[in-house]
Structure formats: structure tokens, C-alpha cells
Amino acid sequence: MPRKIAMIIRPITPKDLDALMQIAVESGPGFTSLMPDRDALSRKIDHSVESFARTVTTPGDEHYLFVLEDSATGQIMGTTGIEAAAGLSRPLVHFRRNAVIHHEEDPRKRHAEESLTRCQHYTGCTEVCSLYLRPGFRRANAGKLLSRVRFLFMALHPERFADTVIAEMRGVSDHAGRSPFWDWLKHHVADLDFMSATQLACCGQSGFVERFIPATPLFTRQMTDAARAVIGQVHEDTRPARHMLEREGFRHRGFVDLLDGGPTLECARSDIASVRDTLLTRARLQKGNRSSWNIAGNTVGSAIVANAGCSGFRATVTEQVLPNPDANSLSVPEQLANELNLGGYSLACYLPLGQSREESQGRQQPCQKPVTEEIRYAH
């Protein structure tokens, strides 16, 4: 008899409000996609529920928020989310890093220096966000499930998402919530502490950016060494998330957060490794465990397995499935199928958590360092 699955991803519901509020408090200053405001979080949940229920042909203001649930206890282990088209309901503003050439009559005196210029480059792009794994629930594959299930969902419902996907990464700050980047910037724009500025920006405070963040370039030579050093860098707890996204194909193109200088990564949706590697097939229910099955096929080791629903979406990580490419089917234990709401021969999708297709074919990936840490949080 296969054992009950340990954790499951599902869309958030109103009953998860207390857990979401706890996560917003735990995650601390700088985790801007989940602020500890109960009314705002309740509205976010309602918006997510409505987004999952919509019939969508092109991405709009939908926001999909998932929770990771411990199947044994019912506790919420973490969250992960997708904003279908960022910047539609409120501006999505970044600093663009530029090299400015100063021309002189004597060519030998020409020189370049770096500047930061306010822009709205990513309006309408899909954004992955709200990724947080609570410290007490770190376990094998939990971080991978939280991160990569979003790309499986995009592969399953491509009409709901834009062609470009971005991730705003949490920038450098200390345990007290102080950001070296903001500590310099606030003396030139607004004498607010980092947490207050973050709350104003994240709550969509009318005119915050226009009032406080200059449209004229800021030259990095004028910054403190501490502020300049963290431009494009991530919080230490966000490094595993950045490494994982880079393995998916995401890259930093020079756009950074207005408040903490954290990098924004981007990738074409069709080029994301987990989008390409997600396979849609048919569930074939089996009694017993995999070792007792007599099926010609390839084992996949650990894989994310999900139903093909939207508001009823369910996913988990398991080794108890067996793909049969020749029959376009996926053999699934009956108990696991029941927990994922998978009926016999219903649509299912799975994403192997081993090597990507490029790695298995011998092509090098940009990030070769093994990622052994589990994700704690990222923007």
C-alpha cells in the first residue's frame, strides 16, 4: 500500500488567511509581495480565488496564489504565486542600469560612468512571486516544488500568461530590515525608513514613485560604497532561489528594484526549462506500489505530478509514478490519484526533477553549481 503523500500544492482559499498572515510576519521586511496587513491579504486571497475561476484567453490582472500544505497535519508550509500581467493595476517601476558616455573634445578624456534611471520596462510581463518556504518545514524537494510548480502551471495553461516571465528578487538587507541601498537613497528622495517606504510602494500609495523617486538619472559614483556594492545582489536567503531560476534559464538584464537594488531576472516563457520539460499525458490508475507493476516504460525518479485543472489544481512530488511514452500514459497509484483528484485516463502532467533535457543531452547550463539548499523565500 503506497504511503500518503507528504505535501501538496493547491490554490489558496479564504480559510488560509491566518496562515498567510503568519507567513507575512515571518518573512520579515523586504518581502514585498506579502505585507503583514490582514485586510490586504484577505483581498489578495479573494483576488486569487476569482482569478483561478475565470475563463481566460489572454493574460490580464489575474493573480494566482498557491499554498504548500503538509498532508499529515494540514499545516501550511509555504506559498508561491504568479501575477499574470504585472504593472496593469499599479505601475511596475524599476531602475535601469546604464553606461553614460561623457564626450570631450579630446577623445582621450572621454569616459563612461554608470547611472540608474527610473523606467517601466516590464509592464504586462508575467511575474513569479510570493515564494516562501517556512524555516520549520524545510525538507527534500519542498523548495523545488514551490518554485517549479509555477512553470508546470504555465505549461498547462499558456493562454493565461505573457510571453516574457520575470522574477523580482529580494535585495540585500539586514535582520533589522535596513537596506544599504535605501540608506543612501532616502537622503536624496524621502526621509523614510526602509519598512515604511516598502509599505507605501507595495500598497500602491498614489503617486509614491512620482513624488519620491526622481525621473532624472542617479549616478552610482555618488553613492556610498555599501550602497553601490549591493546593486543587483540578492539577500542571502534568496540565493538558492536565484540559482534555481538561473538553472531554468532566467537572466539579469540590468533592471533593479527601486528600494533595495535587488535584481529582476527574466526569461521567455517558452525557454524556461521546466515549461519545456512538463509533459501532458493520461493517468492510468494502478493498484499497489510501483515495484509490483509490470509496465514497459522509463522511470523518472522524483517528479512533480499534477492534475490538469485550474481552480481544482493539485500537485505533489513523488517517486510513485511511471511514465509510458509509447502509450502516452502515466501510471499512478490509486491512492495518490485520489489525493490529486485524478480519475482513470484523465489528463495529468508531470515534470521530472532530475536533469533538464539540455543537461541530459550533454549541453552545459549557465549555472553548474549544484543547488542543495531548499528555498526559504524570494520576491
Protein backbone atom coordinates (compact mmCIF):
# COMPACT_ATOMS: atom_id res chain seq x y z
CA MET A 1 0.00 0.00 0.00
CA PRO A 2 1.62 3.32 -1.06
CA ARG A 3 2.00 5.78 1.76
CA LYS A 4 0.06 9.04 1.90
CA ILE A 5 1.84 11.87 0.07
CA ALA A 6 3.68 14.23 2.38
CA MET A 7 2.86 17.59 0.82
CA ILE A 8 0.54 19.02 -1.78
CA ILE A 9 0.29 22.29 -3.71
CA ARG A 10 -3.17 23.78 -4.20
CA PRO A 11 -4.75 27.20 -4.84
CA ILE A 12 -5.15 29.33 -1.73
CA THR A 13 -8.61 29.62 -0.12
CA PRO A 14 -10.11 32.05 2.43
CA LYS A 15 -9.52 29.52 5.24
CA ASP A 16 -5.77 30.02 4.72
CA LEU A 17 -5.85 33.68 5.83
CA ASP A 18 -4.39 33.06 9.31
CA ALA A 19 -1.52 31.03 7.84
CA LEU A 20 -0.86 33.66 5.16
CA MET A 21 -0.76 36.37 7.81
CA GLN A 22 1.75 34.31 9.81
CA ILE A 23 3.92 33.89 6.71
CA ALA A 24 3.79 37.63 6.02
CA VAL A 25 5.05 38.31 9.56
CA GLU A 26 7.70 35.56 9.46
CA SER A 27 9.14 36.63 6.12
CA GLY A 28 10.23 40.00 7.52
CA PRO A 29 10.97 43.39 5.92
CA GLY A 30 11.75 43.38 2.23
CA PHE A 31 9.43 40.51 1.26
CA THR A 32 7.29 42.98 -0.61
CA SER A 33 4.75 40.67 -2.27
CA LEU A 34 3.27 39.66 1.11
CA MET A 35 2.97 42.51 3.60
CA PRO A 36 1.59 41.86 7.13
CA ASP A 37 -1.73 43.64 6.54
CA ARG A 38 -4.66 41.30 7.24
CA ASP A 39 -7.20 43.22 5.15
CA ALA A 40 -4.81 43.45 2.19
CA LEU A 41 -4.02 39.73 2.45
CA SER A 42 -7.73 38.90 2.56
CA ARG A 43 -8.24 40.90 -0.64
CA LYS A 44 -5.27 39.12 -2.20
CA ILE A 45 -6.84 35.74 -1.40
CA ASP A 46 -10.21 36.79 -2.84
CA HIS A 47 -8.49 38.05 -6.00
CA SER A 48 -6.63 34.75 -6.35
CA VAL A 49 -9.79 32.66 -5.93
CA GLU A 50 -11.54 34.76 -8.56
CA SER A 51 -8.52 34.52 -10.90
CA PHE A 52 -8.44 30.72 -10.79
CA ALA A 53 -12.18 30.65 -11.54
CA ARG A 54 -12.02 32.96 -14.58
CA THR A 55 -12.21 31.83 -18.17
CA VAL A 56 -9.10 33.41 -19.68
CA THR A 57 -7.91 33.70 -23.29
CA THR A 58 -5.24 36.37 -22.76
CA PRO A 59 -3.46 37.38 -19.52
CA GLY A 60 -4.96 40.24 -17.54
CA ASP A 61 -4.91 41.30 -13.90
CA GLU A 62 -5.15 37.71 -12.62
CA HIS A 63 -3.05 36.76 -9.62
CA TYR A 64 -2.60 33.07 -8.80
CA LEU A 65 -1.51 32.29 -5.24
CA PHE A 66 -0.76 28.69 -4.20
CA VAL A 67 -0.07 27.18 -0.79
CA LEU A 68 2.06 24.17 0.10
CA GLU A 69 0.20 22.02 2.63
CA ASP A 70 1.57 19.31 4.90
CA SER A 71 -0.77 16.44 4.10
CA ALA A 72 -0.35 14.82 7.51
CA THR A 73 -1.10 17.87 9.66
CA GLY A 74 -2.87 20.30 7.34
CA GLN A 75 -0.33 23.00 8.20
CA ILE A 76 0.67 25.49 5.54
CA MET A 77 4.36 25.08 4.78
CA GLY A 78 4.78 27.94 2.32
CA THR A 79 3.42 29.94 -0.57
CA THR A 80 4.19 30.61 -4.20
CA GLY A 81 2.47 32.82 -6.77
CA ILE A 82 2.16 34.11 -10.31
CA GLU A 83 0.97 37.54 -11.46
CA ALA A 84 -0.33 37.08 -14.99
CA ALA A 85 0.45 40.57 -16.32
CA ALA A 86 2.34 42.75 -13.86
CA GLY A 87 2.02 46.52 -13.89
CA LEU A 88 -1.59 46.76 -15.09
CA SER A 89 -3.32 47.69 -11.83
CA ARG A 90 -0.36 49.71 -10.46
CA PRO A 91 2.89 50.79 -12.08
CA LEU A 92 5.75 48.30 -12.19
CA VAL A 93 8.78 50.56 -11.91
CA HIS A 94 12.49 49.72 -11.84
CA PHE A 95 15.85 51.36 -12.15
CA ARG A 96 17.64 50.60 -15.42
CA ARG A 97 21.44 50.41 -15.16
CA ASN A 98 23.03 52.45 -17.96
CA ALA A 99 26.54 53.31 -19.05
CA VAL A 100 26.68 57.07 -19.73
CA ILE A 101 29.46 58.26 -22.06
CA HIS A 102 30.85 61.72 -21.31
CA HIS A 103 32.21 63.19 -24.54
CA GLU A 104 35.08 65.66 -24.52
CA GLU A 105 36.87 67.45 -27.34
CA ASP A 106 39.91 65.39 -26.55
CA PRO A 107 38.93 61.73 -27.21
CA ARG A 108 41.43 60.63 -24.60
CA LYS A 109 39.33 62.35 -21.93
CA ARG A 110 36.09 60.62 -22.82
CA HIS A 111 34.88 58.32 -20.06
CA ALA A 112 31.89 56.22 -19.06
CA GLU A 113 30.08 56.04 -15.76
CA GLU A 114 27.08 54.10 -14.54
CA SER A 115 23.69 55.63 -13.87
CA LEU A 116 20.31 54.38 -12.63
CA THR A 117 17.24 55.66 -14.49
CA ARG A 118 13.62 55.10 -13.49
CA CYS A 119 11.61 53.15 -16.09
CA GLN A 120 8.58 50.88 -16.64
CA HIS A 121 10.22 48.29 -18.88
CA TYR A 122 8.34 45.14 -17.78
CA THR A 123 4.70 46.28 -17.87
CA GLY A 124 2.47 43.39 -18.98
CA CYS A 125 5.01 40.63 -18.31
CA THR A 126 4.13 37.62 -16.18
CA GLU A 127 5.81 37.73 -12.76
CA VAL A 128 6.61 34.82 -10.46
CA CYS A 129 6.41 36.00 -6.87
CA SER A 130 5.43 35.29 -3.24
CA LEU A 131 7.75 32.29 -2.88
CA TYR A 132 8.30 31.49 0.79
CA LEU A 133 9.16 28.21 2.49
CA ARG A 134 8.80 28.44 6.24
CA PRO A 135 12.04 27.53 8.06
CA GLY A 136 10.37 24.83 10.17
CA PHE A 137 9.22 22.98 7.06
CA ARG A 138 12.43 22.65 5.08
CA ARG A 139 12.57 19.15 3.64
CA ALA A 140 13.66 17.36 0.49
CA ASN A 141 12.13 18.80 -2.70
CA ALA A 142 9.88 21.33 -0.90
CA GLY A 143 11.69 24.33 -2.39
CA LYS A 144 11.82 22.73 -5.84
CA LEU A 145 8.10 22.06 -5.71
CA LEU A 146 7.29 25.65 -4.71
CA SER A 147 9.47 27.11 -7.45
CA ARG A 148 8.93 24.75 -10.37
CA VAL A 149 5.21 24.10 -9.97
CA ARG A 150 4.61 27.62 -11.27
CA PHE A 151 6.26 26.73 -14.56
CA LEU A 152 4.33 23.46 -14.80
CA PHE A 153 1.14 25.52 -14.34
CA MET A 154 2.26 27.90 -17.11
CA ALA A 155 2.90 24.95 -19.44
CA LEU A 156 -0.56 23.62 -18.61
CA HIS A 157 -2.35 26.96 -19.14
CA PRO A 158 -0.18 29.01 -21.57
CA GLU A 159 -3.08 31.26 -22.60
CA ARG A 160 -3.12 32.73 -19.09
CA PHE A 161 0.46 34.07 -19.20
CA ALA A 162 2.63 36.52 -21.13
CA ASP A 163 5.49 35.59 -23.43
CA THR A 164 8.08 37.05 -21.01
CA VAL A 165 8.33 35.94 -17.38
CA ILE A 166 10.16 37.94 -14.71
CA ALA A 167 11.17 37.45 -11.08
CA GLU A 168 11.92 40.40 -8.80
CA MET A 169 14.47 39.13 -6.32
CA ARG A 170 14.74 40.36 -2.75
CA GLY A 171 17.71 42.71 -2.39
CA VAL A 172 20.25 42.92 0.42
CA SER A 173 19.00 43.95 3.87
CA ASP A 174 19.93 43.03 7.44
CA HIS A 175 17.89 41.33 10.19
CA ALA A 176 16.63 44.71 11.37
CA GLY A 177 15.29 45.47 7.90
CA ARG A 178 17.89 48.06 6.94
CA SER A 179 18.87 48.21 3.27
CA PRO A 180 22.28 49.70 2.33
CA PHE A 181 20.82 50.83 -0.98
CA TRP A 182 17.85 52.60 0.62
CA ASP A 183 20.00 54.03 3.41
CA TRP A 184 21.80 56.07 0.75
CA LEU A 185 18.80 56.76 -1.48
CA LYS A 186 16.48 58.02 1.27
CA HIS A 187 18.72 61.03 1.95
CA HIS A 188 18.12 62.13 -1.64
CA VAL A 189 14.43 61.30 -2.06
CA ALA A 190 12.45 60.72 1.15
CA ASP A 191 13.49 60.51 4.80
CA LEU A 192 11.59 57.28 5.46
CA ASP A 193 12.83 54.05 6.95
CA PHE A 194 13.01 51.09 4.59
CA MET A 195 9.93 49.34 6.00
CA SER A 196 7.76 52.47 5.69
CA ALA A 197 8.90 53.09 2.12
CA THR A 198 8.25 49.45 1.23
CA GLN A 199 4.73 49.58 2.68
CA LEU A 200 3.89 52.74 0.74
CA ALA A 201 5.21 51.31 -2.51
CA CYS A 202 3.59 47.88 -2.11
CA CYS A 203 0.21 49.19 -1.07
CA GLY A 204 0.04 51.20 -4.28
CA GLN A 205 0.12 54.52 -2.44
CA SER A 206 -0.96 57.05 -5.04
CA GLY A 207 1.98 58.92 -6.54
CA PHE A 208 4.63 57.41 -4.25
CA VAL A 209 7.10 56.75 -7.06
CA GLU A 210 6.44 60.04 -8.83
CA ARG A 211 6.81 62.03 -5.61
CA PHE A 212 9.88 60.35 -4.17
CA ILE A 213 11.86 58.59 -6.89
CA PRO A 214 13.46 61.02 -9.36
CA ALA A 215 12.98 60.60 -13.11
CA THR A 216 16.43 62.06 -13.68
CA PRO A 217 19.41 59.66 -13.61
CA LEU A 218 21.22 58.83 -10.36
CA PHE A 219 24.98 58.35 -10.81
CA THR A 220 26.44 55.44 -8.89
CA ARG A 221 29.74 57.29 -8.30
CA GLN A 222 27.77 59.49 -5.88
CA MET A 223 26.68 56.52 -3.79
CA THR A 224 28.29 55.13 -0.69
CA ASP A 225 30.45 52.06 -1.21
CA ALA A 226 27.90 49.97 0.71
CA ALA A 227 25.01 51.08 -1.50
CA ARG A 228 26.92 50.61 -4.73
CA ALA A 229 28.09 47.12 -3.72
CA VAL A 230 24.57 45.70 -3.35
CA ILE A 231 23.15 46.86 -6.70
CA GLY A 232 21.94 43.73 -8.47
CA GLN A 233 22.72 41.50 -5.45
CA VAL A 234 20.22 39.34 -3.52
CA HIS A 235 19.52 38.70 0.14
CA GLU A 236 21.49 35.72 1.46
CA ASP A 237 18.28 33.72 1.96
CA THR A 238 17.31 34.36 -1.66
CA ARG A 239 20.50 32.97 -3.21
CA PRO A 240 19.13 29.41 -3.62
CA ALA A 241 16.05 30.84 -5.38
CA ARG A 242 18.23 32.87 -7.74
CA HIS A 243 20.41 29.84 -8.52
CA MET A 244 17.34 27.76 -9.27
CA LEU A 245 15.88 30.41 -11.58
CA GLU A 246 19.19 30.74 -13.41
CA ARG A 247 19.18 26.98 -13.99
CA GLU A 248 15.73 27.46 -15.54
CA GLY A 249 17.20 29.99 -17.98
CA PHE A 250 16.48 33.30 -16.22
CA ARG A 251 18.99 36.15 -16.60
CA HIS A 252 19.56 39.59 -15.11
CA ARG A 253 19.35 42.27 -17.82
CA GLY A 254 20.26 45.32 -15.73
CA PHE A 255 16.93 46.22 -14.10
CA VAL A 256 16.90 46.57 -10.30
CA ASP A 257 14.41 47.34 -7.55
CA LEU A 258 13.78 50.98 -6.67
CA LEU A 259 14.12 50.48 -2.92
CA ASP A 260 16.70 47.76 -2.23
CA GLY A 261 18.54 47.45 -5.57
CA GLY A 262 17.68 43.75 -5.90
CA PRO A 263 17.86 42.30 -9.44
CA THR A 264 14.96 41.42 -11.70
CA LEU A 265 15.53 38.23 -13.71
CA GLU A 266 13.75 37.45 -16.98
CA CYS A 267 13.21 34.60 -19.41
CA ALA A 268 10.96 33.92 -22.39
CA ARG A 269 8.20 31.62 -21.15
CA SER A 270 8.84 29.12 -23.93
CA ASP A 271 12.54 28.98 -23.00
CA ILE A 272 12.02 28.12 -19.31
CA ALA A 273 13.43 24.63 -18.79
CA SER A 274 10.54 23.42 -16.63
CA VAL A 275 7.98 24.73 -19.12
CA ARG A 276 9.64 22.75 -21.90
CA ASP A 277 10.07 19.64 -19.75
CA THR A 278 6.47 19.47 -18.49
CA LEU A 279 4.58 16.69 -20.27
CA LEU A 280 0.80 16.36 -20.60
CA THR A 281 -0.43 12.77 -20.64
CA ARG A 282 -3.20 10.47 -19.38
CA ALA A 283 -3.40 8.99 -15.91
CA ARG A 284 -3.53 5.21 -15.72
CA LEU A 285 -4.54 4.11 -12.23
CA GLN A 286 -2.67 1.17 -10.72
CA LYS A 287 -3.17 -0.87 -7.58
CA GLY A 288 -0.26 -1.43 -5.21
CA ASN A 289 3.11 0.30 -5.47
CA ARG A 290 5.35 0.84 -8.47
CA SER A 291 7.60 -2.15 -7.77
CA SER A 292 4.67 -4.50 -8.36
CA TRP A 293 3.76 -3.07 -11.78
CA ASN A 294 4.74 -4.84 -14.97
CA ILE A 295 4.88 -1.88 -17.36
CA ALA A 296 7.35 -1.12 -20.15
CA GLY A 297 8.49 2.45 -19.62
CA ASN A 298 11.13 4.76 -18.22
CA THR A 299 11.43 5.61 -14.55
CA VAL A 300 11.69 9.31 -13.79
CA GLY A 301 12.74 9.28 -10.12
CA SER A 302 11.28 12.25 -8.25
CA ALA A 303 8.79 14.23 -10.31
CA ILE A 304 6.09 16.84 -9.85
CA VAL A 305 2.76 15.26 -10.75
CA ALA A 306 -0.46 17.26 -11.10
CA ASN A 307 -3.95 17.15 -12.45
CA ALA A 308 -4.81 19.39 -15.39
CA GLY A 309 -7.28 21.60 -13.55
CA CYS A 310 -7.21 25.30 -12.74
CA SER A 311 -9.31 26.15 -9.69
CA GLY A 312 -9.11 22.46 -8.76
CA PHE A 313 -5.37 22.22 -9.41
CA ARG A 314 -3.40 19.82 -7.21
CA ALA A 315 0.28 18.85 -7.42
CA THR A 316 2.87 16.97 -5.40
CA VAL A 317 6.37 15.48 -5.61
CA THR A 318 6.52 11.70 -5.78
CA GLU A 319 8.58 8.74 -6.96
CA GLN A 320 5.48 6.56 -7.22
CA VAL A 321 4.67 7.21 -10.88
CA LEU A 322 5.84 5.53 -14.06
CA PRO A 323 5.57 7.14 -17.50
CA ASN A 324 4.81 5.01 -20.53
CA PRO A 325 5.70 7.21 -23.53
CA ASP A 326 4.61 4.62 -26.09
CA ALA A 327 1.09 4.61 -24.68
CA ASN A 328 1.10 8.32 -23.78
CA SER A 329 0.15 7.43 -20.23
CA LEU A 330 1.35 7.85 -16.67
CA SER A 331 0.85 5.01 -14.22
CA VAL A 332 -0.26 6.44 -10.86
CA PRO A 333 -1.13 4.60 -7.62
CA GLU A 334 -4.86 4.83 -6.89
CA GLN A 335 -4.33 6.49 -3.50
CA LEU A 336 -2.12 9.22 -4.94
CA ALA A 337 -4.55 9.72 -7.84
CA ASN A 338 -7.39 10.21 -5.37
CA GLU A 339 -5.43 12.84 -3.45
CA LEU A 340 -4.69 14.69 -6.69
CA ASN A 341 -8.28 14.36 -7.94
CA LEU A 342 -7.09 12.29 -10.90
CA GLY A 343 -9.61 9.92 -12.42
CA GLY A 344 -8.73 6.99 -14.64
CA TYR A 345 -7.44 8.20 -18.02
CA SER A 346 -7.98 11.85 -17.06
CA LEU A 347 -5.42 14.41 -18.16
CA ALA A 348 -2.34 14.62 -15.95
CA CYS A 349 1.02 16.31 -16.25
CA TYR A 350 4.39 15.56 -14.78
CA LEU A 351 7.75 17.26 -14.56
CA PRO A 352 10.84 15.17 -13.73
CA LEU A 353 13.02 16.85 -11.09
CA GLY A 354 16.27 15.37 -12.38
CA GLN A 355 18.32 16.72 -15.26
CA SER A 356 16.71 19.01 -17.79
CA ARG A 357 16.65 17.91 -21.42
CA GLU A 358 19.69 20.08 -22.20
CA GLU A 359 21.68 18.62 -19.31
CA SER A 360 20.74 15.05 -20.20
CA GLN A 361 21.89 15.70 -23.77
CA GLY A 362 25.26 16.95 -22.56
CA ARG A 363 24.77 20.70 -23.13
CA GLN A 364 26.18 22.88 -20.37
CA GLN A 365 23.90 25.05 -18.29
CA PRO A 366 24.94 28.58 -17.26
CA CYS A 367 24.72 27.70 -13.58
CA GLN A 368 26.68 24.49 -12.94
CA LYS A 369 26.84 24.77 -9.15
CA PRO A 370 24.57 22.14 -7.56
CA VAL A 371 21.67 23.63 -5.64
CA THR A 372 21.38 21.60 -2.46
CA GLU A 373 19.73 24.22 -0.22
CA GLU A 374 15.98 24.44 -0.03
CA ILE A 375 14.43 27.79 -0.86
CA ARG A 376 13.34 29.93 2.04
CA TYR A 377 11.93 32.95 0.27
CA ALA A 378 12.23 35.20 -2.73
CA HIS A 379 10.22 38.05 -4.24
